[in-house]
Amino acid sequence: MKYLLGKKLNMTQIFKDNGTAAPVTKVQAGPCVITQVKDEKRDGYKAVQFGYGERKEKNIPKPQKGHLKGLENPRYLREMRIKDGEDTKLKRGDKIDVSIFKEGDKVQVTSTSKGKGFQGVVKRHGFHGSPASHGHKDQLRMPGSVGATGPAHVFKGTRMPGHMGADQVTVKNLQVIKVDAEKGVLYIKGAVPGARNGLVVVSGEGEIPSMGGGAKTAENKKK
């Protein structure tokens, strides 16, 4: 599976060859560095760990400095699980960028949705509210009755006011409209969850080609 970390920039539109306008979201994707390749013998499962972004060295915990020794100091670390029977050619220190995707690819994007704070039932669950007629003063957006008299308690799962947003959301079947390899930007058709500059994970079918990277360079510097 193709896997790349990035950040959401903004929405815009791209005109296709037939003259129609496609709404797209710009995602600054990569470059990502492979910080660890896990296997079943040592870690109990197979996965590849990706690092993205930059962070000042003074803000990195000491254990993580040892984990990233010889590599860059990424701000984010995320893992991609490898299914049973599959193998990967990626190695620690390899780098990947937007070139692993091409126009027309179907991808899914995972991100954290915008936080809405504490919201009522109308906005949070789509309740239509009470009638705004005589006898319903200040009751238009109220939740109404929340339980029966007999059980004498509120059932679990009852839709009520509460914290809204800031959840992990995955949108599937999105299409890559354009790949700007020079700027490292993916133009993905449709809306992508999350706020601007928020971390997004773009994944799709296919293998990630090995592009080489920083591990060998770091080792050469040590020598």
N, C-alpha and C. Protein backbone atom coordinates (compact mmCIF):
# COMPACT_ATOMS: atom_id res chain seq x y z
N MET A 1 0.84 -1.20 0.00
CA MET A 1 0.00 0.00 0.00
C MET A 1 0.87 1.26 0.00
N LYS A 2 0.49 2.24 -0.76
CA LYS A 2 1.17 3.53 -0.77
C LYS A 2 0.76 4.32 0.47
N TYR A 3 1.71 5.01 1.06
CA TYR A 3 1.45 5.67 2.34
C TYR A 3 2.32 6.92 2.40
N LEU A 4 1.69 8.07 2.72
CA LEU A 4 2.44 9.32 2.75
C LEU A 4 1.80 10.27 3.75
N LEU A 5 2.65 10.95 4.51
CA LEU A 5 2.18 11.95 5.47
C LEU A 5 2.31 13.34 4.85
N GLY A 6 1.45 14.23 5.29
CA GLY A 6 1.51 15.60 4.79
C GLY A 6 0.64 16.51 5.62
N LYS A 7 0.42 17.72 5.13
CA LYS A 7 -0.45 18.66 5.82
C LYS A 7 -1.41 19.30 4.83
N LYS A 8 -2.60 19.57 5.30
CA LYS A 8 -3.64 20.19 4.47
C LYS A 8 -3.33 21.68 4.31
N LEU A 9 -3.41 22.16 3.08
CA LEU A 9 -3.14 23.57 2.81
C LEU A 9 -4.44 24.36 2.67
N ASN A 10 -5.13 24.19 1.55
CA ASN A 10 -6.37 24.92 1.32
C ASN A 10 -7.11 24.27 0.16
N MET A 11 -8.31 24.76 -0.11
CA MET A 11 -9.10 24.27 -1.24
C MET A 11 -9.03 25.26 -2.38
N THR A 12 -9.10 24.73 -3.59
CA THR A 12 -9.10 25.55 -4.80
C THR A 12 -9.82 24.77 -5.89
N GLN A 13 -9.64 25.16 -7.13
CA GLN A 13 -10.26 24.44 -8.24
C GLN A 13 -9.28 24.33 -9.40
N ILE A 14 -9.42 23.25 -10.15
CA ILE A 14 -8.58 23.00 -11.32
C ILE A 14 -9.49 22.77 -12.51
N PHE A 15 -9.17 23.42 -13.63
CA PHE A 15 -9.95 23.24 -14.85
C PHE A 15 -9.38 22.08 -15.65
N LYS A 16 -10.25 21.14 -15.99
CA LYS A 16 -9.85 19.98 -16.76
C LYS A 16 -9.76 20.33 -18.25
N ASP A 17 -9.31 19.37 -19.05
CA ASP A 17 -9.17 19.59 -20.49
C ASP A 17 -10.52 19.85 -21.16
N ASN A 18 -11.61 19.27 -20.61
CA ASN A 18 -12.92 19.47 -21.21
C ASN A 18 -13.59 20.77 -20.76
N GLY A 19 -12.89 21.56 -19.94
CA GLY A 19 -13.42 22.85 -19.52
C GLY A 19 -14.16 22.85 -18.20
N THR A 20 -14.40 21.70 -17.62
CA THR A 20 -15.11 21.63 -16.34
C THR A 20 -14.13 21.91 -15.19
N ALA A 21 -14.67 22.49 -14.12
CA ALA A 21 -13.87 22.82 -12.95
C ALA A 21 -14.04 21.74 -11.89
N ALA A 22 -12.93 21.26 -11.35
CA ALA A 22 -12.96 20.23 -10.31
C ALA A 22 -12.52 20.85 -8.98
N PRO A 23 -13.36 20.76 -7.94
CA PRO A 23 -12.95 21.26 -6.63
C PRO A 23 -11.89 20.34 -6.02
N VAL A 24 -10.78 20.88 -5.59
CA VAL A 24 -9.67 20.07 -5.08
C VAL A 24 -9.15 20.65 -3.77
N THR A 25 -8.52 19.78 -3.00
CA THR A 25 -7.83 20.17 -1.77
C THR A 25 -6.33 20.00 -1.99
N LYS A 26 -5.57 21.04 -1.69
CA LYS A 26 -4.11 20.98 -1.81
C LYS A 26 -3.52 20.38 -0.55
N VAL A 27 -2.70 19.35 -0.72
CA VAL A 27 -2.05 18.69 0.40
C VAL A 27 -0.54 18.71 0.17
N GLN A 28 0.18 19.34 1.09
CA GLN A 28 1.64 19.32 1.05
C GLN A 28 2.11 17.99 1.59
N ALA A 29 2.43 17.06 0.70
CA ALA A 29 2.72 15.68 1.09
C ALA A 29 4.21 15.39 0.98
N GLY A 30 4.76 14.86 2.08
CA GLY A 30 6.17 14.47 2.08
C GLY A 30 7.10 15.68 2.03
N PRO A 31 8.40 15.42 1.88
CA PRO A 31 9.01 14.09 1.87
C PRO A 31 9.00 13.44 3.25
N CYS A 32 8.86 12.13 3.26
CA CYS A 32 8.86 11.35 4.50
C CYS A 32 10.10 10.46 4.54
N VAL A 33 10.60 10.25 5.73
CA VAL A 33 11.76 9.39 5.92
C VAL A 33 11.34 8.15 6.69
N ILE A 34 11.87 7.01 6.31
CA ILE A 34 11.58 5.76 7.00
C ILE A 34 12.44 5.71 8.26
N THR A 35 11.81 5.73 9.42
CA THR A 35 12.55 5.75 10.68
C THR A 35 12.71 4.38 11.30
N GLN A 36 11.87 3.41 10.89
CA GLN A 36 11.98 2.06 11.46
C GLN A 36 11.20 1.08 10.60
N VAL A 37 11.74 -0.11 10.44
CA VAL A 37 11.04 -1.21 9.78
C VAL A 37 10.88 -2.32 10.81
N LYS A 38 9.65 -2.64 11.19
CA LYS A 38 9.39 -3.62 12.24
C LYS A 38 9.11 -4.99 11.61
N ASP A 39 9.51 -6.04 12.33
CA ASP A 39 9.24 -7.40 11.87
C ASP A 39 8.63 -8.21 13.02
N GLU A 40 8.15 -9.39 12.68
CA GLU A 40 7.45 -10.21 13.66
C GLU A 40 8.39 -10.76 14.73
N LYS A 41 9.61 -11.09 14.38
CA LYS A 41 10.53 -11.69 15.35
C LYS A 41 10.88 -10.70 16.46
N ARG A 42 11.17 -9.47 16.08
CA ARG A 42 11.63 -8.50 17.07
C ARG A 42 10.48 -7.72 17.71
N ASP A 43 9.48 -7.35 16.91
CA ASP A 43 8.42 -6.45 17.39
C ASP A 43 7.06 -7.13 17.53
N GLY A 44 6.91 -8.33 16.98
CA GLY A 44 5.64 -9.03 17.10
C GLY A 44 4.67 -8.77 15.97
N TYR A 45 4.99 -7.82 15.11
CA TYR A 45 4.16 -7.53 13.94
C TYR A 45 5.00 -6.80 12.91
N LYS A 46 4.51 -6.77 11.68
CA LYS A 46 5.24 -6.14 10.58
C LYS A 46 4.65 -4.77 10.30
N ALA A 47 5.52 -3.77 10.24
CA ALA A 47 5.06 -2.41 9.98
C ALA A 47 6.25 -1.56 9.54
N VAL A 48 5.92 -0.44 8.94
CA VAL A 48 6.91 0.55 8.54
C VAL A 48 6.56 1.87 9.21
N GLN A 49 7.54 2.49 9.85
CA GLN A 49 7.31 3.76 10.55
C GLN A 49 7.82 4.92 9.70
N PHE A 50 6.96 5.93 9.51
CA PHE A 50 7.28 7.09 8.69
C PHE A 50 7.45 8.32 9.58
N GLY A 51 8.37 9.18 9.20
CA GLY A 51 8.56 10.45 9.88
C GLY A 51 8.32 11.60 8.93
N TYR A 52 7.67 12.65 9.43
CA TYR A 52 7.35 13.80 8.57
C TYR A 52 7.49 15.09 9.38
N GLY A 53 7.88 16.15 8.69
CA GLY A 53 7.99 17.46 9.31
C GLY A 53 9.36 17.66 9.94
N GLU A 54 9.51 18.82 10.57
CA GLU A 54 10.76 19.17 11.22
C GLU A 54 10.48 19.62 12.65
N ARG A 55 11.43 19.32 13.52
CA ARG A 55 11.31 19.73 14.91
C ARG A 55 12.68 20.09 15.44
N LYS A 56 12.73 21.11 16.28
CA LYS A 56 14.01 21.53 16.85
C LYS A 56 14.56 20.43 17.76
N GLU A 57 15.86 20.29 17.71
CA GLU A 57 16.50 19.21 18.46
C GLU A 57 16.28 19.34 19.96
N LYS A 58 16.15 20.56 20.45
CA LYS A 58 15.98 20.76 21.90
C LYS A 58 14.61 20.27 22.38
N ASN A 59 13.67 20.08 21.46
CA ASN A 59 12.33 19.64 21.84
C ASN A 59 12.13 18.13 21.70
N ILE A 60 13.19 17.40 21.40
CA ILE A 60 13.08 15.96 21.20
C ILE A 60 13.47 15.23 22.49
N PRO A 61 12.64 14.33 23.00
CA PRO A 61 13.02 13.55 24.18
C PRO A 61 14.26 12.69 23.91
N LYS A 62 15.02 12.41 24.96
CA LYS A 62 16.26 11.65 24.79
C LYS A 62 16.04 10.26 24.19
N PRO A 63 15.01 9.51 24.62
CA PRO A 63 14.79 8.20 23.99
C PRO A 63 14.54 8.29 22.49
N GLN A 64 13.84 9.36 22.10
CA GLN A 64 13.54 9.52 20.68
C GLN A 64 14.78 9.95 19.90
N LYS A 65 15.70 10.65 20.56
CA LYS A 65 16.96 11.00 19.90
C LYS A 65 17.74 9.75 19.53
N GLY A 66 17.73 8.77 20.43
CA GLY A 66 18.40 7.51 20.13
C GLY A 66 17.69 6.74 19.05
N HIS A 67 16.36 6.81 19.05
CA HIS A 67 15.58 6.11 18.02
C HIS A 67 15.85 6.69 16.64
N LEU A 68 16.07 8.00 16.57
CA LEU A 68 16.27 8.69 15.29
C LEU A 68 17.74 8.98 15.01
N LYS A 69 18.63 8.29 15.68
CA LYS A 69 20.06 8.56 15.51
C LYS A 69 20.49 8.36 14.06
N GLY A 70 21.18 9.34 13.51
CA GLY A 70 21.63 9.28 12.13
C GLY A 70 20.60 9.74 11.13
N LEU A 71 19.41 10.12 11.60
CA LEU A 71 18.35 10.57 10.70
C LEU A 71 17.98 12.01 11.02
N GLU A 72 16.97 12.50 10.32
CA GLU A 72 16.46 13.84 10.59
C GLU A 72 15.63 13.81 11.87
N ASN A 73 15.10 14.96 12.25
CA ASN A 73 14.28 15.06 13.45
C ASN A 73 12.83 15.36 13.05
N PRO A 74 12.07 14.33 12.65
CA PRO A 74 10.70 14.58 12.21
C PRO A 74 9.78 14.97 13.36
N ARG A 75 8.78 15.74 13.03
CA ARG A 75 7.82 16.18 14.05
C ARG A 75 6.77 15.10 14.32
N TYR A 76 6.39 14.38 13.26
CA TYR A 76 5.35 13.36 13.39
C TYR A 76 5.92 11.99 13.04
N LEU A 77 5.46 10.98 13.76
CA LEU A 77 5.79 9.58 13.48
C LEU A 77 4.49 8.79 13.36
N ARG A 78 4.34 8.06 12.25
CA ARG A 78 3.15 7.23 12.04
C ARG A 78 3.59 5.90 11.44
N GLU A 79 2.77 4.87 11.68
CA GLU A 79 3.10 3.52 11.21
C GLU A 79 2.11 3.04 10.16
N MET A 80 2.59 2.27 9.22
CA MET A 80 1.76 1.56 8.24
C MET A 80 1.94 0.07 8.48
N ARG A 81 0.87 -0.62 8.82
CA ARG A 81 0.93 -2.05 9.04
C ARG A 81 1.08 -2.78 7.71
N ILE A 82 1.84 -3.85 7.73
CA ILE A 82 2.04 -4.69 6.54
C ILE A 82 1.26 -5.98 6.74
N LYS A 83 0.43 -6.31 5.77
CA LYS A 83 -0.41 -7.49 5.89
C LYS A 83 0.43 -8.77 5.85
N ASP A 84 -0.15 -9.84 6.38
CA ASP A 84 0.53 -11.14 6.37
C ASP A 84 0.74 -11.60 4.93
N GLY A 85 1.92 -12.10 4.65
CA GLY A 85 2.23 -12.56 3.31
C GLY A 85 2.84 -11.51 2.43
N GLU A 86 2.77 -10.24 2.84
CA GLU A 86 3.35 -9.16 2.07
C GLU A 86 4.74 -8.82 2.62
N ASP A 87 5.52 -8.19 1.79
CA ASP A 87 6.87 -7.79 2.18
C ASP A 87 7.12 -6.38 1.65
N THR A 88 8.10 -5.72 2.21
CA THR A 88 8.44 -4.37 1.77
C THR A 88 9.92 -4.27 1.46
N LYS A 89 10.25 -3.45 0.48
CA LYS A 89 11.64 -3.23 0.11
C LYS A 89 12.21 -1.98 0.79
N LEU A 90 11.38 -1.30 1.58
CA LEU A 90 11.83 -0.09 2.24
C LEU A 90 12.81 -0.41 3.36
N LYS A 91 13.78 0.48 3.55
CA LYS A 91 14.78 0.33 4.60
C LYS A 91 14.86 1.62 5.40
N ARG A 92 15.41 1.51 6.58
CA ARG A 92 15.57 2.69 7.44
C ARG A 92 16.44 3.73 6.74
N GLY A 93 15.94 4.94 6.69
CA GLY A 93 16.67 6.03 6.03
C GLY A 93 16.16 6.35 4.64
N ASP A 94 15.36 5.45 4.03
CA ASP A 94 14.79 5.73 2.71
C ASP A 94 13.83 6.91 2.79
N LYS A 95 13.74 7.65 1.70
CA LYS A 95 12.83 8.79 1.63
C LYS A 95 11.82 8.58 0.51
N ILE A 96 10.60 9.04 0.75
CA ILE A 96 9.54 8.96 -0.26
C ILE A 96 8.87 10.32 -0.38
N ASP A 97 8.34 10.60 -1.57
CA ASP A 97 7.67 11.87 -1.79
C ASP A 97 6.42 11.64 -2.64
N VAL A 98 5.87 12.72 -3.18
CA VAL A 98 4.59 12.64 -3.91
C VAL A 98 4.71 11.85 -5.21
N SER A 99 5.91 11.57 -5.65
CA SER A 99 6.07 10.85 -6.92
C SER A 99 5.55 9.42 -6.85
N ILE A 100 5.26 8.91 -5.64
CA ILE A 100 4.70 7.55 -5.54
C ILE A 100 3.26 7.52 -6.02
N PHE A 101 2.62 8.70 -6.11
CA PHE A 101 1.25 8.78 -6.62
C PHE A 101 1.26 9.34 -8.04
N LYS A 102 0.20 9.06 -8.77
CA LYS A 102 0.05 9.60 -10.12
C LYS A 102 -1.39 10.03 -10.32
N GLU A 103 -1.62 10.81 -11.35
CA GLU A 103 -2.96 11.31 -11.62
C GLU A 103 -3.93 10.16 -11.87
N GLY A 104 -5.10 10.28 -11.26
CA GLY A 104 -6.12 9.27 -11.41
C GLY A 104 -6.14 8.23 -10.31
N ASP A 105 -5.14 8.22 -9.43
CA ASP A 105 -5.10 7.25 -8.33
C ASP A 105 -6.27 7.48 -7.38
N LYS A 106 -6.82 6.38 -6.86
CA LYS A 106 -7.84 6.43 -5.84
C LYS A 106 -7.16 6.34 -4.47
N VAL A 107 -7.44 7.28 -3.60
CA VAL A 107 -6.78 7.32 -2.30
C VAL A 107 -7.82 7.52 -1.20
N GLN A 108 -7.38 7.28 0.02
CA GLN A 108 -8.17 7.62 1.19
C GLN A 108 -7.33 8.51 2.09
N VAL A 109 -7.98 9.48 2.73
CA VAL A 109 -7.28 10.47 3.54
C VAL A 109 -7.80 10.39 4.97
N THR A 110 -6.89 10.26 5.91
CA THR A 110 -7.22 10.20 7.33
C THR A 110 -6.66 11.43 8.04
N SER A 111 -7.50 12.08 8.83
CA SER A 111 -7.08 13.27 9.54
C SER A 111 -7.97 13.47 10.76
N THR A 112 -7.65 14.48 11.55
CA THR A 112 -8.47 14.84 12.71
C THR A 112 -9.41 15.96 12.32
N SER A 113 -10.71 15.75 12.50
CA SER A 113 -11.69 16.74 12.10
C SER A 113 -11.59 17.99 12.97
N LYS A 114 -12.16 19.07 12.49
CA LYS A 114 -12.14 20.33 13.23
C LYS A 114 -12.91 20.19 14.54
N GLY A 115 -12.36 20.73 15.60
CA GLY A 115 -13.04 20.71 16.89
C GLY A 115 -14.12 21.78 16.95
N LYS A 116 -15.32 21.39 17.37
CA LYS A 116 -16.45 22.31 17.46
C LYS A 116 -16.77 22.72 18.89
N GLY A 117 -16.07 22.13 19.85
CA GLY A 117 -16.37 22.45 21.23
C GLY A 117 -17.64 21.75 21.72
N PHE A 118 -18.26 22.31 22.76
CA PHE A 118 -19.49 21.75 23.32
C PHE A 118 -20.67 22.25 22.51
N GLN A 119 -21.44 21.32 21.93
CA GLN A 119 -22.56 21.69 21.07
C GLN A 119 -23.85 21.01 21.52
N GLY A 120 -24.97 21.61 21.14
CA GLY A 120 -26.28 21.06 21.48
C GLY A 120 -26.70 19.98 20.50
N VAL A 121 -27.90 19.44 20.73
CA VAL A 121 -28.36 18.31 19.94
C VAL A 121 -28.72 18.70 18.51
N VAL A 122 -29.10 19.97 18.28
CA VAL A 122 -29.47 20.39 16.94
C VAL A 122 -28.26 20.37 16.01
N LYS A 123 -27.17 20.92 16.47
CA LYS A 123 -25.97 20.95 15.64
C LYS A 123 -25.23 19.62 15.67
N ARG A 124 -25.22 18.97 16.82
CA ARG A 124 -24.42 17.75 16.98
C ARG A 124 -25.09 16.54 16.33
N HIS A 125 -26.41 16.42 16.46
CA HIS A 125 -27.11 15.23 15.98
C HIS A 125 -28.18 15.53 14.92
N GLY A 126 -28.39 16.79 14.60
CA GLY A 126 -29.36 17.11 13.57
C GLY A 126 -30.81 17.11 14.03
N PHE A 127 -31.07 17.27 15.34
CA PHE A 127 -32.46 17.36 15.83
C PHE A 127 -33.13 18.58 15.21
N HIS A 128 -34.42 18.45 14.91
CA HIS A 128 -35.12 19.58 14.30
C HIS A 128 -35.66 20.56 15.33
N GLY A 129 -35.63 20.19 16.62
CA GLY A 129 -36.08 21.09 17.67
C GLY A 129 -37.58 21.02 17.89
N SER A 130 -38.06 21.77 18.87
CA SER A 130 -39.48 21.80 19.20
C SER A 130 -40.20 22.84 18.35
N PRO A 131 -41.53 22.75 18.25
CA PRO A 131 -42.29 23.77 17.50
C PRO A 131 -42.11 25.14 18.14
N ALA A 132 -42.03 26.15 17.31
CA ALA A 132 -41.83 27.52 17.80
C ALA A 132 -43.18 28.22 17.96
N SER A 133 -44.17 27.50 18.46
CA SER A 133 -45.51 28.05 18.61
C SER A 133 -45.81 28.37 20.07
N HIS A 134 -47.05 28.73 20.36
CA HIS A 134 -47.47 29.10 21.71
C HIS A 134 -47.26 27.92 22.68
N GLY A 135 -46.69 28.21 23.82
CA GLY A 135 -46.46 27.16 24.80
C GLY A 135 -45.09 26.53 24.71
N HIS A 136 -44.25 27.00 23.80
CA HIS A 136 -42.90 26.43 23.64
C HIS A 136 -41.84 27.52 23.82
N LYS A 137 -42.02 28.35 24.77
CA LYS A 137 -41.07 29.43 25.01
C LYS A 137 -39.70 28.87 25.42
N ASP A 138 -38.67 29.33 24.75
CA ASP A 138 -37.29 28.95 25.04
C ASP A 138 -37.05 27.44 24.96
N GLN A 139 -37.85 26.75 24.15
CA GLN A 139 -37.70 25.30 24.03
C GLN A 139 -37.33 24.86 22.61
N LEU A 140 -37.04 25.81 21.72
CA LEU A 140 -36.87 25.49 20.31
C LEU A 140 -35.74 24.51 20.07
N ARG A 141 -34.61 24.67 20.74
CA ARG A 141 -33.43 23.83 20.51
C ARG A 141 -33.15 22.87 21.67
N MET A 142 -34.15 22.63 22.49
CA MET A 142 -33.97 21.72 23.63
C MET A 142 -33.98 20.26 23.17
N PRO A 143 -33.30 19.36 23.91
CA PRO A 143 -33.28 17.95 23.52
C PRO A 143 -34.59 17.22 23.79
N GLY A 144 -35.40 17.72 24.71
CA GLY A 144 -36.65 17.04 25.03
C GLY A 144 -36.44 15.92 26.04
N SER A 145 -37.40 15.01 26.13
CA SER A 145 -37.33 13.92 27.09
C SER A 145 -36.17 12.98 26.76
N VAL A 146 -35.48 12.53 27.80
CA VAL A 146 -34.30 11.70 27.58
C VAL A 146 -34.43 10.30 28.17
N GLY A 147 -35.55 9.96 28.77
CA GLY A 147 -35.67 8.62 29.34
C GLY A 147 -37.08 8.31 29.79
N ALA A 148 -37.33 7.01 30.00
CA ALA A 148 -38.65 6.57 30.46
C ALA A 148 -38.70 6.59 31.99
N THR A 149 -39.93 6.62 32.53
CA THR A 149 -40.11 6.68 33.98
C THR A 149 -39.73 5.37 34.65
N GLY A 150 -40.07 4.24 33.99
CA GLY A 150 -39.85 2.94 34.62
C GLY A 150 -38.41 2.63 34.96
N PRO A 151 -37.49 2.64 33.98
CA PRO A 151 -36.08 2.31 34.29
C PRO A 151 -35.44 3.33 35.24
N ALA A 152 -35.92 4.55 35.21
CA ALA A 152 -35.43 5.59 36.13
C ALA A 152 -33.96 5.91 35.90
N HIS A 153 -33.48 5.75 34.70
CA HIS A 153 -32.13 6.19 34.38
C HIS A 153 -32.04 6.43 32.86
N VAL A 154 -31.01 7.14 32.46
CA VAL A 154 -30.79 7.45 31.05
C VAL A 154 -29.97 6.33 30.43
N PHE A 155 -30.46 5.78 29.31
CA PHE A 155 -29.77 4.66 28.66
C PHE A 155 -28.46 5.13 28.02
N LYS A 156 -27.49 4.24 28.00
CA LYS A 156 -26.23 4.52 27.33
C LYS A 156 -26.47 4.69 25.83
N GLY A 157 -25.74 5.63 25.23
CA GLY A 157 -25.88 5.87 23.81
C GLY A 157 -26.94 6.88 23.44
N THR A 158 -27.65 7.41 24.43
CA THR A 158 -28.67 8.43 24.14
C THR A 158 -28.00 9.67 23.56
N ARG A 159 -28.55 10.16 22.47
CA ARG A 159 -27.98 11.33 21.81
C ARG A 159 -28.28 12.58 22.63
N MET A 160 -27.21 13.20 23.10
CA MET A 160 -27.35 14.36 23.98
C MET A 160 -26.28 15.40 23.62
N PRO A 161 -26.38 16.60 24.21
CA PRO A 161 -25.33 17.59 23.97
C PRO A 161 -23.98 17.09 24.47
N GLY A 162 -22.90 17.60 23.89
CA GLY A 162 -21.56 17.19 24.32
C GLY A 162 -20.49 17.69 23.37
N HIS A 163 -19.28 17.19 23.60
CA HIS A 163 -18.14 17.60 22.79
C HIS A 163 -18.31 17.10 21.36
N MET A 164 -18.06 17.99 20.40
CA MET A 164 -18.25 17.67 18.99
C MET A 164 -16.97 17.94 18.21
N GLY A 165 -16.62 17.05 17.30
CA GLY A 165 -15.44 17.23 16.47
C GLY A 165 -14.18 16.68 17.13
N ALA A 166 -13.04 17.00 16.53
CA ALA A 166 -11.72 16.52 17.02
C ALA A 166 -11.67 15.01 17.03
N ASP A 167 -12.31 14.35 16.05
CA ASP A 167 -12.31 12.90 15.92
C ASP A 167 -11.48 12.50 14.70
N GLN A 168 -10.95 11.28 14.72
CA GLN A 168 -10.25 10.76 13.55
C GLN A 168 -11.27 10.40 12.48
N VAL A 169 -11.12 10.99 11.31
CA VAL A 169 -12.05 10.79 10.21
C VAL A 169 -11.29 10.30 8.98
N THR A 170 -11.83 9.30 8.30
CA THR A 170 -11.24 8.78 7.07
C THR A 170 -12.24 8.94 5.93
N VAL A 171 -11.84 9.59 4.87
CA VAL A 171 -12.66 9.76 3.68
C VAL A 171 -12.06 8.90 2.57
N LYS A 172 -12.87 7.99 2.01
CA LYS A 172 -12.37 7.04 1.02
C LYS A 172 -12.80 7.44 -0.39
N ASN A 173 -12.21 6.76 -1.36
CA ASN A 173 -12.54 6.91 -2.78
C ASN A 173 -12.36 8.34 -3.28
N LEU A 174 -11.32 9.00 -2.82
CA LEU A 174 -10.95 10.31 -3.37
C LEU A 174 -9.97 10.11 -4.52
N GLN A 175 -9.98 11.04 -5.44
CA GLN A 175 -9.16 10.90 -6.65
C GLN A 175 -8.08 11.96 -6.69
N VAL A 176 -6.88 11.54 -7.08
CA VAL A 176 -5.77 12.48 -7.27
C VAL A 176 -5.93 13.12 -8.65
N ILE A 177 -6.15 14.42 -8.66
CA ILE A 177 -6.35 15.14 -9.92
C ILE A 177 -5.02 15.58 -10.53
N LYS A 178 -4.09 15.99 -9.67
CA LYS A 178 -2.81 16.50 -10.18
C LYS A 178 -1.72 16.24 -9.14
N VAL A 179 -0.51 15.97 -9.64
CA VAL A 179 0.66 15.77 -8.78
C VAL A 179 1.72 16.79 -9.17
N ASP A 180 2.06 17.69 -8.26
CA ASP A 180 3.11 18.69 -8.48
C ASP A 180 4.36 18.20 -7.78
N ALA A 181 5.23 17.50 -8.51
CA ALA A 181 6.41 16.90 -7.90
C ALA A 181 7.42 17.96 -7.45
N GLU A 182 7.49 19.10 -8.15
CA GLU A 182 8.46 20.14 -7.79
C GLU A 182 8.14 20.76 -6.44
N LYS A 183 6.86 21.06 -6.21
CA LYS A 183 6.45 21.69 -4.95
C LYS A 183 6.04 20.66 -3.90
N GLY A 184 5.92 19.39 -4.30
CA GLY A 184 5.51 18.36 -3.36
C GLY A 184 4.07 18.48 -2.93
N VAL A 185 3.19 18.81 -3.87
CA VAL A 185 1.78 19.05 -3.56
C VAL A 185 0.90 18.06 -4.31
N LEU A 186 -0.07 17.48 -3.61
CA LEU A 186 -1.10 16.64 -4.21
C LEU A 186 -2.39 17.44 -4.30
N TYR A 187 -3.04 17.38 -5.45
CA TYR A 187 -4.35 18.00 -5.63
C TYR A 187 -5.38 16.87 -5.61
N ILE A 188 -6.14 16.79 -4.52
CA ILE A 188 -7.09 15.70 -4.32
C ILE A 188 -8.50 16.22 -4.49
N LYS A 189 -9.28 15.56 -5.33
CA LYS A 189 -10.63 16.00 -5.62
C LYS A 189 -11.52 15.86 -4.40
N GLY A 190 -12.26 16.91 -4.09
CA GLY A 190 -13.20 16.87 -2.98
C GLY A 190 -12.61 17.46 -1.71
N ALA A 191 -13.36 17.28 -0.63
CA ALA A 191 -12.96 17.85 0.67
C ALA A 191 -12.18 16.84 1.48
N VAL A 192 -11.22 17.34 2.22
CA VAL A 192 -10.38 16.52 3.10
C VAL A 192 -10.65 16.98 4.53
N PRO A 193 -10.84 16.05 5.47
CA PRO A 193 -11.15 16.45 6.85
C PRO A 193 -9.98 17.17 7.50
N GLY A 194 -10.31 18.01 8.49
CA GLY A 194 -9.27 18.69 9.26
C GLY A 194 -9.15 20.16 8.92
N ALA A 195 -8.39 20.85 9.74
CA ALA A 195 -8.14 22.27 9.55
C ALA A 195 -6.88 22.48 8.73
N ARG A 196 -6.65 23.71 8.32
CA ARG A 196 -5.43 24.02 7.57
C ARG A 196 -4.19 23.74 8.42
N ASN A 197 -3.17 23.24 7.75
CA ASN A 197 -1.90 22.88 8.37
C ASN A 197 -2.01 21.69 9.31
N GLY A 198 -3.15 21.00 9.26
CA GLY A 198 -3.32 19.80 10.07
C GLY A 198 -2.68 18.60 9.40
N LEU A 199 -2.23 17.64 10.20
CA LEU A 199 -1.59 16.44 9.67
C LEU A 199 -2.61 15.55 8.98
N VAL A 200 -2.28 15.08 7.78
CA VAL A 200 -3.14 14.15 7.04
C VAL A 200 -2.30 12.95 6.61
N VAL A 201 -2.97 11.81 6.49
CA VAL A 201 -2.33 10.58 6.02
C VAL A 201 -3.02 10.19 4.72
N VAL A 202 -2.27 10.15 3.64
CA VAL A 202 -2.80 9.78 2.32
C VAL A 202 -2.32 8.38 2.00
N SER A 203 -3.24 7.48 1.71
CA SER A 203 -2.88 6.10 1.41
C SER A 203 -3.69 5.61 0.23
N GLY A 204 -3.14 4.63 -0.47
CA GLY A 204 -3.80 4.06 -1.64
C GLY A 204 -3.18 2.73 -2.00
N GLU A 205 -3.78 2.07 -2.97
CA GLU A 205 -3.30 0.77 -3.40
C GLU A 205 -2.01 0.91 -4.20
N GLY A 206 -1.15 -0.09 -4.09
CA GLY A 206 0.11 -0.10 -4.83
C GLY A 206 1.29 -0.19 -3.89
N GLU A 207 2.46 -0.47 -4.46
CA GLU A 207 3.68 -0.59 -3.69
C GLU A 207 4.47 0.71 -3.71
N ILE A 208 5.21 0.94 -2.63
CA ILE A 208 6.07 2.11 -2.55
C ILE A 208 7.45 1.75 -3.08
N PRO A 209 7.90 2.40 -4.14
CA PRO A 209 9.25 2.10 -4.64
C PRO A 209 10.31 2.64 -3.70
N SER A 210 11.39 1.92 -3.55
CA SER A 210 12.50 2.37 -2.72
C SER A 210 13.27 3.47 -3.45
N MET A 211 13.46 4.61 -2.79
CA MET A 211 14.12 5.75 -3.42
C MET A 211 15.49 6.04 -2.82
N GLY A 212 15.95 5.18 -1.91
CA GLY A 212 17.22 5.47 -1.26
C GLY A 212 17.04 6.56 -0.24
N GLY A 213 18.10 6.92 0.47
CA GLY A 213 17.91 8.00 1.42
C GLY A 213 19.05 8.23 2.37
N GLY A 214 18.65 8.73 3.55
CA GLY A 214 19.60 9.31 4.46
C GLY A 214 20.40 8.35 5.30
N ALA A 215 20.00 7.10 5.44
CA ALA A 215 20.72 6.21 6.34
C ALA A 215 22.15 5.97 5.88
N LYS A 216 22.33 5.69 4.60
CA LYS A 216 23.67 5.46 4.08
C LYS A 216 24.52 6.70 4.20
N THR A 217 23.90 7.86 3.91
CA THR A 217 24.66 9.10 4.00
C THR A 217 25.14 9.34 5.42
N ALA A 218 24.25 9.07 6.39
CA ALA A 218 24.63 9.29 7.80
C ALA A 218 25.76 8.34 8.19
N GLU A 219 25.69 7.11 7.72
CA GLU A 219 26.75 6.15 8.05
C GLU A 219 28.08 6.57 7.46
N ASN A 220 28.03 7.10 6.22
CA ASN A 220 29.26 7.56 5.59
C ASN A 220 29.88 8.73 6.36
N LYS A 221 28.99 9.59 6.92
CA LYS A 221 29.52 10.72 7.68
C LYS A 221 30.23 10.24 8.94
N LYS A 222 29.69 9.17 9.54
CA LYS A 222 30.33 8.63 10.75
C LYS A 222 31.72 8.10 10.42
N LYS A 223 31.82 7.42 9.26
CA LYS A 223 33.10 6.86 8.86
C LYS A 223 34.10 7.96 8.56
